[in-house]
Protein backbone atom coordinates (compact mmCIF):
# COMPACT_ATOMS: atom_id res chain seq x y z
CA MET A 1 158.22 90.56 137.30
CA LYS A 2 159.58 92.88 134.62
CA THR A 3 159.48 92.05 130.92
CA ILE A 4 162.69 91.16 129.10
CA GLY A 5 163.10 92.48 125.57
CA LEU A 6 165.29 90.54 123.15
CA ILE A 7 166.32 91.59 119.67
CA GLY A 8 166.96 88.21 118.12
CA GLY A 9 167.42 86.59 114.78
CA THR A 10 171.16 87.29 114.78
CA SER A 11 171.07 84.35 114.49
CA TRP A 12 167.78 82.54 115.17
CA VAL A 13 169.91 79.62 116.44
CA SER A 14 171.14 81.55 119.47
CA SER A 15 167.78 83.28 119.90
CA LEU A 16 166.33 79.86 120.72
CA ASP A 17 168.98 79.46 123.40
CA TYR A 18 168.17 82.87 124.89
CA TYR A 19 164.46 82.02 125.03
CA ARG A 20 165.18 78.70 126.72
CA LEU A 21 167.55 80.26 129.25
CA PHE A 22 165.20 83.12 130.15
CA ASN A 23 162.50 80.61 131.04
CA GLU A 24 164.70 77.98 132.69
CA LEU A 25 166.46 80.53 134.88
CA THR A 26 163.18 82.20 135.85
CA ASN A 27 161.60 78.87 136.75
CA GLN A 28 164.65 77.87 138.79
CA ARG A 29 164.21 81.04 140.82
CA LEU A 30 160.43 81.02 141.19
CA GLY A 31 159.45 77.34 140.85
CA GLY A 32 156.01 76.01 139.99
CA ASN A 33 154.88 76.89 136.48
CA GLU A 34 156.52 80.30 136.50
CA ALA A 35 158.18 81.50 133.30
CA ALA A 36 159.73 84.70 131.99
CA LYS A 37 157.81 87.58 130.46
CA ILE A 38 159.51 88.20 127.11
CA VAL A 39 159.12 90.44 124.10
CA LEU A 40 161.07 89.03 121.14
CA TYR A 41 161.72 91.05 118.00
CA SER A 42 163.46 88.89 115.42
CA VAL A 43 165.23 90.59 112.52
CA ASN A 44 166.20 89.14 109.13
CA TYR A 45 169.69 87.69 109.67
CA GLY A 46 170.41 87.63 105.94
CA GLU A 47 169.92 91.38 105.69
CA ILE A 48 172.11 92.00 108.73
CA VAL A 49 174.90 89.74 107.45
CA LYS A 50 175.02 91.51 104.07
CA LEU A 51 175.23 94.91 105.75
CA THR A 52 177.87 93.63 108.16
CA HIS A 53 180.09 92.35 105.36
CA ALA A 54 179.60 95.67 103.56
CA GLY A 55 180.61 97.60 106.68
CA ASN A 56 177.34 99.55 106.66
CA TRP A 57 176.97 99.85 110.42
CA ASP A 58 174.77 102.95 110.17
CA ALA A 59 172.14 100.90 108.35
CA ILE A 60 172.46 98.13 110.91
CA ALA A 61 172.07 100.65 113.74
CA THR A 62 168.89 101.95 112.12
CA ILE A 63 167.40 98.44 111.84
CA ILE A 64 168.33 97.42 115.37
CA SER A 65 167.28 100.75 116.88
CA ASP A 66 163.90 100.44 115.18
CA ALA A 67 163.59 96.93 116.60
CA ALA A 68 164.51 98.22 120.07
CA GLN A 69 161.90 100.97 119.87
CA ASN A 70 159.22 98.48 118.86
CA THR A 71 160.32 96.18 121.66
CA GLU A 72 159.93 99.03 124.13
CA LYS A 73 156.50 99.92 122.72
CA ALA A 74 155.46 96.29 123.19
CA GLY A 75 156.11 96.57 126.92
CA ALA A 76 159.72 95.51 127.45
CA ASP A 77 161.43 96.95 130.54
CA CYS A 78 164.95 96.27 129.24
CA VAL A 79 166.47 95.29 125.92
CA LEU A 80 169.17 92.79 124.97
CA LEU A 81 170.96 92.44 121.65
CA GLY A 82 171.12 88.69 121.10
CA ALA A 83 174.56 88.75 119.44
CA ASN A 84 177.98 89.88 120.64
CA THR A 85 178.81 91.51 117.29
CA MET A 86 175.74 93.75 117.36
CA HIS A 87 177.15 95.48 120.46
CA HIS A 88 179.38 97.45 118.10
CA ILE A 89 176.35 99.72 117.71
CA ALA A 90 174.99 99.24 121.25
CA GLU A 91 175.47 102.87 122.28
CA LYS A 92 173.43 104.09 119.31
CA VAL A 93 170.68 101.61 120.13
CA GLN A 94 170.65 102.69 123.78
CA ARG A 95 170.19 106.32 122.76
CA SER A 96 167.13 105.34 120.73
CA VAL A 97 165.14 103.97 123.69
CA ASN A 98 164.22 104.92 127.25
CA ILE A 99 164.75 101.45 128.74
CA PRO A 100 168.16 100.09 129.75
CA LEU A 101 170.19 98.07 127.27
CA ILE A 102 171.98 95.27 129.11
CA HIS A 103 175.41 95.26 127.44
CA ILE A 104 176.89 91.79 127.02
CA ALA A 105 180.50 92.95 127.46
CA ASP A 106 179.63 94.69 130.74
CA VAL A 107 178.09 91.48 132.03
CA VAL A 108 181.08 89.40 130.91
CA ALA A 109 183.59 91.86 132.37
CA LYS A 110 181.87 91.73 135.78
CA ALA A 111 181.95 87.93 135.70
CA ILE A 112 185.67 87.96 134.90
CA ARG A 113 186.37 90.44 137.69
CA GLU A 114 184.44 88.29 140.17
CA LYS A 115 186.73 85.38 139.23
CA GLY A 116 189.78 87.52 139.88
CA LEU A 117 191.19 87.11 136.37
CA GLN A 118 193.39 89.67 134.64
CA LYS A 119 194.02 88.23 131.16
CA VAL A 120 191.48 86.51 128.93
CA ALA A 121 191.15 85.49 125.30
CA LEU A 122 188.24 86.55 123.12
CA LEU A 123 186.71 84.41 120.36
CA GLY A 124 183.93 85.68 118.13
CA THR A 125 183.33 87.10 114.69
CA LYS A 126 186.24 89.05 113.24
CA TYR A 127 184.29 92.20 114.07
CA THR A 128 183.99 91.25 117.74
CA MET A 129 187.67 90.33 117.92
CA LEU A 130 189.13 93.22 115.91
CA PHE A 131 186.84 96.15 116.75
CA ASP A 132 187.47 97.84 120.08
CA PHE A 133 183.96 97.82 121.60
CA TYR A 134 184.57 94.62 123.57
CA ARG A 135 188.20 95.31 124.44
CA ASN A 136 187.35 98.79 125.73
CA LYS A 137 184.66 97.45 128.04
CA LEU A 138 187.09 94.91 129.47
CA GLU A 139 189.78 97.56 129.91
CA GLU A 140 187.37 99.49 132.13
CA TYR A 141 187.69 96.56 134.54
CA ASP A 142 191.50 96.33 134.10
CA ILE A 143 191.19 93.14 132.08
CA GLU A 144 193.69 92.43 129.29
CA THR A 145 192.30 90.82 126.15
CA ILE A 146 194.14 88.68 123.61
CA ILE A 147 192.84 87.25 120.34
CA PRO A 148 194.10 84.61 117.88
CA GLY A 149 196.42 85.37 114.98
CA ALA A 150 195.17 86.01 111.45
CA ASP A 151 194.55 82.33 110.64
CA GLY A 152 192.64 81.80 113.87
CA ILE A 153 190.52 84.89 113.29
CA GLU A 154 189.61 83.70 109.80
CA PHE A 155 188.77 80.19 111.02
CA VAL A 156 186.50 81.36 113.84
CA ASN A 157 184.76 83.99 111.69
CA SER A 158 184.14 81.50 108.86
CA ALA A 159 182.84 78.86 111.26
CA ILE A 160 180.36 81.30 112.77
CA TYR A 161 178.91 82.61 109.51
CA ASN A 162 179.05 79.41 107.46
CA GLU A 163 178.23 76.80 110.11
CA LEU A 164 177.14 77.85 113.61
CA GLY A 165 174.78 80.63 112.51
CA LYS A 166 173.07 78.09 110.26
CA GLY A 167 172.68 75.50 113.02
CA LYS A 168 175.58 73.33 111.82
CA PHE A 169 177.77 71.99 114.63
CA LEU A 170 180.55 69.80 113.24
CA LEU A 171 182.91 67.65 115.26
CA GLU A 172 185.91 68.71 113.17
CA THR A 173 185.12 72.37 113.85
CA LYS A 174 184.78 71.66 117.56
CA HIS A 175 188.23 70.04 117.65
CA LYS A 176 189.75 73.05 115.89
CA PHE A 177 188.13 75.41 118.40
CA LEU A 178 189.51 73.38 121.30
CA GLN A 179 192.99 73.40 119.76
CA LEU A 180 192.79 77.18 119.38
CA ILE A 181 191.66 77.53 122.98
CA GLU A 182 194.68 75.52 124.15
CA GLU A 183 197.00 77.75 122.13
CA LEU A 184 195.48 80.89 123.67
CA SER A 185 195.88 79.37 127.13
CA ASP A 186 199.56 78.75 126.35
CA GLU A 187 199.82 82.46 125.51
CA GLY A 188 198.66 83.33 129.02
CA ALA A 189 194.88 83.48 128.77
CA GLN A 190 193.40 82.53 132.15
CA ALA A 191 190.00 81.98 130.53
CA VAL A 192 188.38 82.22 127.10
CA ILE A 193 185.33 84.31 126.29
CA LEU A 194 183.01 82.47 123.93
CA GLY A 195 182.16 85.81 122.38
CA CYS A 196 179.62 84.61 119.87
CA THR A 197 176.27 83.40 121.15
CA GLU A 198 176.43 80.29 118.95
CA ILE A 199 179.85 79.06 120.16
CA PRO A 200 178.51 77.79 123.54
CA MET A 201 176.27 75.41 121.61
CA LEU A 202 179.37 73.86 120.04
CA ILE A 203 181.70 73.87 123.03
CA LYS A 204 180.86 73.16 126.67
CA GLN A 205 183.02 73.57 129.75
CA ASP A 206 183.33 69.80 130.03
CA ASP A 207 185.16 69.85 126.69
CA SER A 208 187.97 72.09 127.95
CA VAL A 209 190.33 72.27 130.92
CA VAL A 210 190.59 76.00 130.21
CA PRO A 211 187.82 78.04 131.91
CA LEU A 212 185.20 79.15 129.38
CA LEU A 213 182.86 82.13 129.65
CA ASP A 214 179.47 81.40 128.06
CA THR A 215 178.31 84.85 126.99
CA THR A 216 174.78 83.71 126.20
CA LEU A 217 174.28 82.27 129.68
CA LEU A 218 175.85 85.28 131.40
CA HIS A 219 173.74 87.71 129.35
CA ALA A 220 170.51 85.79 129.92
CA THR A 221 171.24 85.53 133.66
CA ALA A 222 171.73 89.27 133.89
CA ALA A 223 168.39 89.81 132.16
CA VAL A 224 166.58 87.46 134.55
CA ASN A 225 168.24 89.14 137.52
CA PHE A 226 166.97 92.48 136.22
CA ALA A 227 163.47 91.14 135.66
CA LEU A 228 163.21 89.59 139.12
CA GLN A 229 165.02 92.21 141.20
């Protein structure tokens, strides 16, 4: 079994979900008392959020790359960034280490292709939705991406930073997300990417008739597949 490296804390809420999934998925595969081998490096979310809002991605890349290097030194055989938004600087992080970085958008794109879908909607922070790092990865697989309008972008971004990332999961917010998902489906989205690792804790597939892509689960599954291959 190889060791999975996770750079977490962005936020700690979703890092808990990653840890749970690594172990549950490993035990499902191996049975008994088997569990995943994990190196977790948790950064200060408050520091990252301030730098994100300031647009200082070079400073973020330095922090995350340092975390990745320490994760590698601790024995990790691969590294995951436990947040969709942090993949804006994924290439810089990959260049800082000698172990593979499992890119969340690559994993999601492969899952979409396997389902035979051509057009999907993306929900996440405004950075995930408006920057091109996610869209470009999906385009490599001939997948068209749509996002909400300005009001929808602001709602989702605010919900992530002010509620979900702090462990607050409100019923009113859930209903607004589901309404937005329906609107995106009406615009032609064949599925919706829950492109923030906290959103799948608010919304489950049973809540929606529209197919949902749980990026946390897909990312964690890819890591376990790597560790057990």
